[in-house]
Protein backbone atom coordinates (compact mmCIF):
# COMPACT_ATOMS: atom_id res chain seq x y z
CA MET A 1 133.33 195.50 -26.91
CA PHE A 2 135.48 196.54 -29.85
CA SER A 3 137.12 199.21 -27.72
CA GLY A 4 138.09 196.55 -25.18
CA GLU A 5 139.54 194.35 -27.91
CA ARG A 6 141.54 197.26 -29.31
CA ASN A 7 142.88 198.06 -25.84
CA GLU A 8 143.83 194.42 -25.33
CA ASP A 9 145.53 194.31 -28.74
CA GLY A 10 147.37 197.53 -27.91
CA LEU A 11 148.54 196.12 -24.58
CA GLN A 12 149.74 192.93 -26.23
CA THR A 13 151.59 194.99 -28.83
CA ARG A 14 153.31 197.07 -26.14
CA ILE A 15 154.27 193.96 -24.18
CA HIS A 16 155.63 192.36 -27.36
CA ARG A 17 157.69 195.47 -28.12
CA LEU A 18 158.99 195.59 -24.56
CA ILE A 19 159.99 191.92 -24.68
CA LEU A 20 161.66 192.49 -28.04
CA LEU A 21 163.52 195.53 -26.67
CA VAL A 22 164.73 193.67 -23.57
CA THR A 23 165.66 190.62 -25.61
CA THR A 24 167.65 192.70 -28.06
CA LYS A 25 169.36 194.63 -25.30
CA HIS A 26 170.42 191.59 -23.30
CA ARG A 27 170.81 188.98 -26.01
CA SER A 28 174.56 189.54 -26.32
CA ILE A 29 175.20 189.21 -22.59
CA LEU A 30 172.96 186.14 -22.40
CA LEU A 31 174.89 184.47 -25.21
CA ALA A 32 178.16 185.47 -23.56
CA CYS A 33 177.00 183.90 -20.27
CA LEU A 34 176.04 180.71 -22.05
CA ALA A 35 179.43 180.59 -23.75
CA PHE A 36 181.10 181.24 -20.38
CA LEU A 37 179.19 178.36 -18.76
CA ALA A 38 179.91 176.06 -21.70
CA LEU A 39 183.64 176.70 -21.40
CA SER A 40 183.45 176.39 -17.62
CA SER A 41 181.99 172.91 -18.05
CA LEU A 42 185.39 171.81 -19.37
CA TRP A 43 186.80 172.53 -15.91
CA VAL A 44 183.99 170.46 -14.38
CA LEU A 45 184.99 167.54 -16.61
CA LEU A 46 188.58 167.99 -15.49
CA ALA A 47 187.47 168.04 -11.84
CA LEU A 48 185.59 164.76 -12.31
CA HIS A 49 188.73 162.99 -13.55
CA PHE A 50 191.51 164.86 -11.72
CA SER A 51 193.14 162.89 -8.91
CA GLN A 52 193.69 166.01 -6.77
CA THR A 53 190.22 167.55 -7.00
CA GLY A 54 189.39 169.14 -3.65
CA TRP A 55 193.10 169.06 -2.72
CA ASP A 56 192.85 172.26 -0.62
CA PHE A 57 189.20 171.98 0.38
CA THR A 58 189.95 169.62 3.25
CA GLN A 59 191.22 172.55 5.35
CA PHE A 60 187.77 174.19 5.24
CA TYR A 61 185.87 170.95 5.76
CA ILE A 62 187.96 169.97 8.75
CA ALA A 63 187.70 173.50 10.18
CA ALA A 64 183.91 173.24 9.91
CA HIS A 65 183.93 170.17 12.17
CA LEU A 66 186.60 171.03 14.73
CA PRO A 67 185.89 173.06 17.85
CA VAL A 68 187.27 176.55 17.27
CA SER A 69 189.71 176.06 20.15
CA SER A 70 191.32 173.17 18.18
CA LEU A 71 191.39 175.03 14.88
CA TYR A 72 195.17 175.34 14.74
CA SER A 73 195.97 171.99 16.33
CA ARG A 74 197.77 169.83 13.81
CA ALA A 75 197.04 166.71 15.85
CA ALA A 76 193.29 167.44 15.91
CA SER A 77 193.21 168.05 12.15
CA VAL A 78 195.08 164.86 11.35
CA ASP A 79 192.98 162.83 13.76
CA PHE A 80 189.72 164.01 12.16
CA GLY A 81 191.16 163.51 8.69
CA GLU A 82 192.25 159.95 9.33
CA ARG A 83 188.95 159.02 11.00
CA VAL A 84 186.53 160.67 8.55
CA LEU A 85 188.37 161.40 5.30
CA GLY A 86 190.92 158.62 5.19
CA PRO A 87 188.28 155.88 4.62
CA ILE A 88 187.07 157.70 1.48
CA GLY A 89 190.59 157.96 0.08
CA ILE A 90 191.58 161.49 1.18
CA HIS A 91 194.93 161.60 2.96
CA TYR A 92 196.10 165.23 2.70
CA TYR A 93 195.03 167.64 5.43
CA PRO A 94 196.42 171.16 4.85
CA PRO A 95 196.19 173.58 7.78
CA TYR A 96 193.51 176.23 8.11
CA VAL A 97 195.46 179.51 8.05
CA ARG A 98 192.71 182.15 8.31
CA PRO A 99 191.84 184.13 11.46
CA ALA A 100 189.73 182.08 13.84
CA VAL A 101 186.57 184.20 13.80
CA PHE A 102 186.03 183.55 10.11
CA ALA A 103 185.96 179.77 10.68
CA LEU A 104 182.52 180.22 12.25
CA ALA A 105 181.09 180.92 8.79
CA LEU A 106 182.28 177.47 7.68
CA LYS A 107 180.17 175.55 10.20
CA PRO A 108 177.27 174.86 7.73
CA LEU A 109 179.68 172.68 5.70
CA ALA A 110 179.53 170.15 8.54
CA LEU A 111 175.93 169.39 7.55
CA PHE A 112 177.10 167.71 4.33
CA SER A 113 179.22 164.76 3.33
CA TYR A 114 182.70 165.68 2.15
CA TRP A 115 181.94 165.49 -1.57
CA GLY A 116 178.53 167.07 -1.14
CA ALA A 117 180.18 169.98 0.68
CA TYR A 118 182.92 170.23 -1.96
CA TRP A 119 180.52 170.47 -4.91
CA LEU A 120 178.42 173.03 -3.07
CA TRP A 121 181.60 175.00 -2.35
CA ALA A 122 182.65 174.77 -6.00
CA ALA A 123 179.21 175.88 -7.24
CA VAL A 124 179.28 178.91 -4.93
CA GLY A 125 182.80 179.72 -6.13
CA LEU A 126 181.77 179.60 -9.78
CA ALA A 127 178.62 181.65 -9.10
CA ALA A 128 180.68 184.26 -7.23
CA TYR A 129 183.13 184.44 -10.13
CA LEU A 130 180.42 184.92 -12.75
CA ALA A 131 178.60 187.45 -10.56
CA THR A 132 181.81 189.46 -10.18
CA LEU A 133 182.36 189.47 -13.92
CA LEU A 134 178.80 190.58 -14.68
CA ILE A 135 179.11 193.40 -12.14
CA LEU A 136 182.43 194.56 -13.55
CA PHE A 137 181.29 194.25 -17.17
CA HIS A 138 178.20 196.34 -16.46
CA TRP A 139 180.10 198.94 -14.43
CA LEU A 140 183.01 199.32 -16.88
CA ALA A 141 180.87 198.87 -20.04
CA LEU A 142 183.12 196.06 -21.30
CA PRO A 143 182.16 194.20 -24.50
CA ALA A 144 180.06 191.10 -23.84
CA ASN A 145 182.12 188.99 -26.24
CA LEU A 146 185.07 189.31 -23.84
CA LEU A 147 183.24 187.44 -21.06
CA PRO A 148 183.91 183.86 -22.30
CA ALA A 149 187.67 184.52 -22.22
CA PHE A 150 187.49 184.70 -18.42
CA ALA A 151 186.21 181.11 -18.37
CA ILE A 152 189.74 180.04 -19.35
CA PHE A 153 191.52 182.07 -16.66
CA PHE A 154 193.57 179.45 -14.83
CA PRO A 155 193.91 180.86 -11.28
CA ALA A 156 190.17 181.47 -10.93
CA LEU A 157 188.88 178.23 -12.47
CA PHE A 158 191.55 175.76 -11.40
CA GLY A 159 191.37 177.29 -7.93
CA ILE A 160 187.76 176.09 -7.80
CA ILE A 161 188.87 172.56 -8.69
CA THR A 162 191.38 172.46 -5.85
CA GLY A 163 188.72 173.79 -3.49
CA GLN A 164 190.04 177.27 -2.87
CA ASP A 165 188.06 180.41 -2.01
CA ALA A 166 189.64 183.23 -4.04
CA ASN A 167 186.55 183.85 -6.19
CA GLY A 168 184.37 184.68 -3.20
CA TYR A 169 187.11 187.01 -2.00
CA LEU A 170 187.19 188.63 -5.46
CA LEU A 171 183.44 189.29 -5.30
CA VAL A 172 183.64 190.93 -1.87
CA LEU A 173 186.69 193.03 -2.81
CA SER A 174 185.13 194.22 -6.09
CA GLY A 175 181.87 194.99 -4.29
CA ALA A 176 183.75 197.10 -1.75
CA LEU A 177 185.39 199.11 -4.53
CA LEU A 178 182.05 199.82 -6.20
CA LEU A 179 180.57 200.93 -2.90
CA ILE A 180 183.48 203.32 -2.35
CA VAL A 181 183.03 204.75 -5.85
CA ASN A 182 179.29 205.22 -5.19
CA GLY A 183 179.92 207.00 -1.89
CA LYS A 184 178.63 204.22 0.39
CA GLN A 185 181.70 204.36 2.57
CA PHE A 186 180.37 202.74 5.73
CA THR A 187 179.18 199.59 3.93
CA ALA A 188 182.40 199.53 1.89
CA GLY A 189 184.46 199.55 5.08
CA CYS A 190 182.48 196.59 6.43
CA LEU A 191 183.04 194.60 3.23
CA LEU A 192 186.75 195.38 3.26
CA ALA A 193 186.88 194.11 6.84
CA LEU A 194 185.56 190.77 5.56
CA CYS A 195 188.59 190.73 3.28
CA ALA A 196 190.77 190.60 6.40
CA TYR A 197 189.96 186.89 6.07
CA LYS A 198 193.13 186.97 3.93
CA PHE A 199 194.83 189.99 5.40
CA ASN A 200 198.03 189.43 3.43
CA LEU A 201 196.20 190.59 0.29
CA LEU A 202 195.18 193.92 1.87
CA LEU A 203 198.75 195.20 2.12
CA PHE A 204 198.16 198.49 0.26
CA ILE A 205 194.37 198.98 0.57
CA PRO A 206 194.55 201.24 3.68
CA LEU A 207 197.03 203.44 1.81
CA VAL A 208 194.51 203.83 -1.04
CA LEU A 209 191.83 204.92 1.42
CA LEU A 210 194.28 207.32 3.05
CA ALA A 211 195.59 208.79 -0.22
CA LYS A 212 192.08 209.28 -1.63
CA ALA A 213 190.68 210.67 1.64
CA ARG A 214 188.04 207.97 2.08
CA TRP A 215 188.04 208.59 5.82
CA LYS A 216 184.74 206.92 6.67
CA THR A 217 185.73 203.76 4.84
CA LEU A 218 189.15 203.73 6.49
CA PHE A 219 187.63 204.30 9.94
CA THR A 220 184.97 201.60 9.51
CA PHE A 221 187.52 199.17 8.05
CA THR A 222 189.93 199.79 10.93
CA ILE A 223 187.28 199.34 13.62
CA ALA A 224 185.71 196.24 12.03
CA THR A 225 189.09 194.61 11.33
CA SER A 226 190.27 195.32 14.87
CA LEU A 227 187.08 193.76 16.21
CA ALA A 228 187.65 190.64 14.07
CA ALA A 229 191.23 190.42 15.35
CA ILE A 230 190.10 190.75 18.98
CA LEU A 231 187.40 188.10 18.57
CA SER A 232 189.90 185.76 16.89
CA ALA A 233 192.34 186.28 19.78
CA ILE A 234 189.57 185.49 22.27
CA LEU A 235 188.61 182.31 20.41
CA VAL A 236 192.17 181.02 19.96
CA SER A 237 195.43 182.20 21.47
CA PRO A 238 197.37 184.38 18.98
CA SER A 239 200.53 182.44 19.84
CA LYS A 240 198.96 179.28 18.38
CA TYR A 241 198.04 181.12 15.20
CA LEU A 242 201.50 182.62 14.79
CA ALA A 243 203.09 179.22 15.39
CA LEU A 244 200.90 177.78 12.62
CA LEU A 245 201.90 180.52 10.19
CA ARG A 246 205.57 179.77 10.82
CA SER A 247 205.01 176.07 10.09
CA ILE A 248 203.03 176.39 6.84
CA SER A 249 205.90 175.29 4.61
CA GLN A 250 206.38 172.12 6.69
CA GLU A 251 202.69 171.18 6.85
CA THR A 252 201.81 171.68 3.18
CA ILE A 253 203.03 169.49 0.34
CA GLY A 254 205.32 171.20 -2.14
CA PHE A 255 204.36 174.71 -1.04
CA ILE A 256 206.31 177.60 -2.53
CA PRO A 257 204.75 181.07 -2.35
CA GLY A 258 204.02 183.14 -5.43
CA GLY A 259 205.25 186.61 -6.29
CA ILE A 260 208.85 187.72 -6.13
CA ARG A 261 209.46 185.77 -2.91
CA GLY A 262 208.61 182.57 -4.78
CA ILE A 263 211.14 183.37 -7.48
CA ALA A 264 213.76 184.24 -4.87
CA ILE A 265 213.21 180.86 -3.19
CA ARG A 266 213.28 178.98 -6.51
CA THR A 267 216.59 180.58 -7.45
CA GLY A 268 218.14 179.99 -4.03
CA HIS A 269 218.40 183.71 -3.20
CA GLU A 270 215.60 184.25 -0.69
CA GLY A 271 217.48 187.20 0.80
CA TRP A 272 216.84 189.16 -2.38
CA TYR A 273 213.15 189.26 -1.56
CA TYR A 274 213.45 192.00 1.05
CA PRO A 275 215.21 194.73 -0.98
CA LEU A 276 213.13 193.92 -4.07
CA ALA A 277 209.93 194.07 -2.04
CA LEU A 278 210.98 197.40 -0.56
CA VAL A 279 211.65 198.93 -3.98
CA GLY A 280 208.39 197.50 -5.33
CA ALA A 281 206.42 198.82 -2.34
CA VAL A 282 207.80 202.35 -2.85
CA ALA A 283 206.82 202.21 -6.54
CA CYS A 284 203.31 201.00 -5.69
CA ILE A 285 202.83 203.72 -3.06
CA TYR A 286 203.87 206.36 -5.60
CA LEU A 287 201.39 205.03 -8.18
CA ILE A 288 198.62 204.86 -5.56
CA TRP A 289 199.22 208.52 -4.76
CA LYS A 290 199.38 209.49 -8.43
CA LEU A 291 196.43 207.59 -9.92
CA PRO A 292 192.66 208.04 -9.44
CA LEU A 293 190.82 205.88 -6.92
CA VAL A 294 189.85 202.91 -9.11
CA GLU A 295 193.26 202.59 -10.74
CA ALA A 296 195.00 203.07 -7.37
CA PHE A 297 192.86 200.24 -5.96
CA CYS A 298 194.05 198.02 -8.82
CA ILE A 299 197.65 198.91 -8.01
CA ALA A 300 197.00 197.89 -4.39
CA VAL A 301 195.58 194.52 -5.43
CA THR A 302 198.30 193.74 -7.99
CA GLY A 303 201.10 195.04 -5.77
CA ALA A 304 200.04 192.77 -2.90
CA LEU A 305 200.04 189.74 -5.22
CA LEU A 306 203.55 190.63 -6.36
CA LEU A 307 205.14 191.67 -3.08
CA ALA A 308 203.37 189.93 -0.18
CA TYR A 309 205.46 187.55 1.92
CA HIS A 310 202.82 184.83 1.66
CA VAL A 311 200.75 184.68 -1.53
CA THR A 312 199.70 181.77 -3.75
CA TRP A 313 198.94 181.13 -7.40
CA TYR A 314 195.18 180.89 -6.84
CA ASP A 315 195.19 184.34 -5.23
CA CYS A 316 195.94 185.61 -8.74
CA ALA A 317 192.21 185.23 -9.40
CA LEU A 318 192.11 188.79 -8.02
CA LEU A 319 193.89 189.96 -11.18
CA VAL A 320 190.46 189.85 -12.83
CA LEU A 321 189.75 193.27 -11.30
CA PRO A 322 192.83 195.12 -12.65
CA ILE A 323 192.53 193.31 -16.00
CA CYS A 324 188.95 194.55 -16.44
CA VAL A 325 189.86 198.10 -15.41
CA ALA A 326 192.96 198.12 -17.62
CA TRP A 327 190.95 196.88 -20.60
CA ARG A 328 188.83 200.02 -20.87
CA HIS A 329 191.91 202.25 -21.23
CA ALA A 330 193.94 199.90 -23.42
CA GLY A 331 194.90 199.95 -27.07
CA THR A 332 194.94 196.95 -29.39
CA ARG A 333 198.34 195.59 -28.40
CA THR A 334 197.70 195.92 -24.68
CA ARG A 335 194.34 194.20 -25.03
CA ALA A 336 196.02 191.36 -26.92
CA ALA A 337 198.46 190.96 -24.03
CA LEU A 338 195.63 191.01 -21.49
CA LEU A 339 193.81 188.36 -23.50
CA ALA A 340 196.94 186.24 -23.44
CA LEU A 341 196.91 186.35 -19.63
CA LEU A 342 193.39 184.93 -19.73
CA LEU A 343 193.72 182.41 -22.53
CA VAL A 344 197.04 180.65 -21.88
CA PRO A 345 196.42 178.33 -18.89
CA PHE A 346 199.54 176.30 -19.62
CA ALA A 347 201.70 179.38 -19.10
CA TRP A 348 200.37 179.57 -15.53
CA ILE A 349 201.14 175.87 -15.03
CA LEU A 350 204.56 175.69 -16.65
CA GLY A 351 205.70 179.22 -15.88
CA ARG A 352 204.74 179.00 -12.21
CA GLU A 353 205.97 181.97 -10.13
CA VAL A 354 207.84 183.46 -13.10
CA PHE A 355 204.72 183.83 -15.21
CA GLN A 356 202.75 185.14 -12.23
CA VAL A 357 205.35 187.83 -11.64
CA VAL A 358 205.54 188.71 -15.35
CA ALA A 359 201.73 189.09 -15.46
CA GLU A 360 201.69 191.27 -12.34
CA ILE A 361 204.56 193.47 -13.49
CA PHE A 362 202.90 193.92 -16.89
CA ILE A 363 199.68 195.08 -15.24
CA LEU A 364 201.57 197.45 -12.94
CA LEU A 365 203.49 198.89 -15.88
CA ARG A 366 200.21 199.40 -17.72
CA PHE A 367 198.87 201.51 -14.87
CA ALA A 368 202.25 203.25 -14.52
CA ALA A 369 201.89 204.35 -18.16
CA LEU A 370 198.48 205.80 -17.31
CA ALA A 371 200.03 207.67 -14.38
CA SER A 372 202.76 209.01 -16.64
CA ARG A 373 200.27 210.28 -19.20
CA ARG A 374 198.16 211.80 -16.45
CA SER A 375 201.21 213.58 -15.06
CA LEU A 376 202.13 214.84 -18.54
CA ARG A 377 198.61 216.22 -19.08
CA ASP A 378 198.73 217.94 -15.69
CA ASP A 379 202.08 219.54 -16.54
CA GLN A 380 200.79 220.73 -19.92
CA GLY A 381 197.67 222.17 -18.28
CA HIS A 382 199.83 223.97 -15.73
CA LEU A 383 202.04 225.46 -18.47
CA GLU A 384 199.00 226.60 -20.46
CA ALA A 385 197.55 228.21 -17.34
CA CYS A 386 200.82 230.07 -16.80
């Protein structure tokens, strides 16, 4: 009897110690998550009172209801919008500009009312964003007290308010990188193929796989992406899709792309985009060749945001990945600058394309400095060996 009581007391003591150990280990990240969610609630309050909440979400909601064959029909989109969304006060119907096969994944949205679908979409976007951060923080061993700063990051959080999808894309892209690092190349290639949903942001990723000899990932990505392109062409004529892409600026309100093309348009010198993009692409390719896999991947992401012909401010949510990677190598001044990118939402609003480009160039220069130091160490090692 007493032996049983002692065993029970011992078990309770061990459980208590285990709980205490786990609580101590994860208390900081739990508090950081709570702080992140508390700050994120400020964006929810903004969404509840902002007149343009869900501004871009209509494209996904309409795509969920239209037959795939009518996906790129402006007349069909407007007709559905005026019949279903107009009576509830929504009068802006941006075009759906993704490949047709990916619209099939949107069909469940048709089961909900517009606002029910929007809030579900926003919740998934926020969950994807937090999940990405927790994955990156664990992988890169970043300090937990940095996590709440990402709850202020304008492109990621305001993108949710407008109804965009960049945070889900960020999760898939970051997951693909981790799979590549862990040697799971086949699965990584499949995830990267999902990122062809916004193929303009994958500009340099195949070059990373080529430069770092990730042949299985490159092969799987190529096959899966080609299959998605073929299925999209079967579902809707490619000519209709290309015609839509050419008409984006006419069918969207106040659209000006981000990156250096946006600045070139703002300044009235759009022709400058092409030589600047060429020079920038050469620099990015050099850094991709020079840097290790993870850093080269960050160059690919940042370079696409800077140089792509069509890129938007909310796509800059992807900068979360290079910011997290850059943080672990950075000194005090660089970390202060990275914090500023996270904590100054008004700079993203007022600075528009200029601030986006400044942020992207800063990140690229940070990785260029790493490449320079790496090259210097290699040269010193070679001289010592001689």
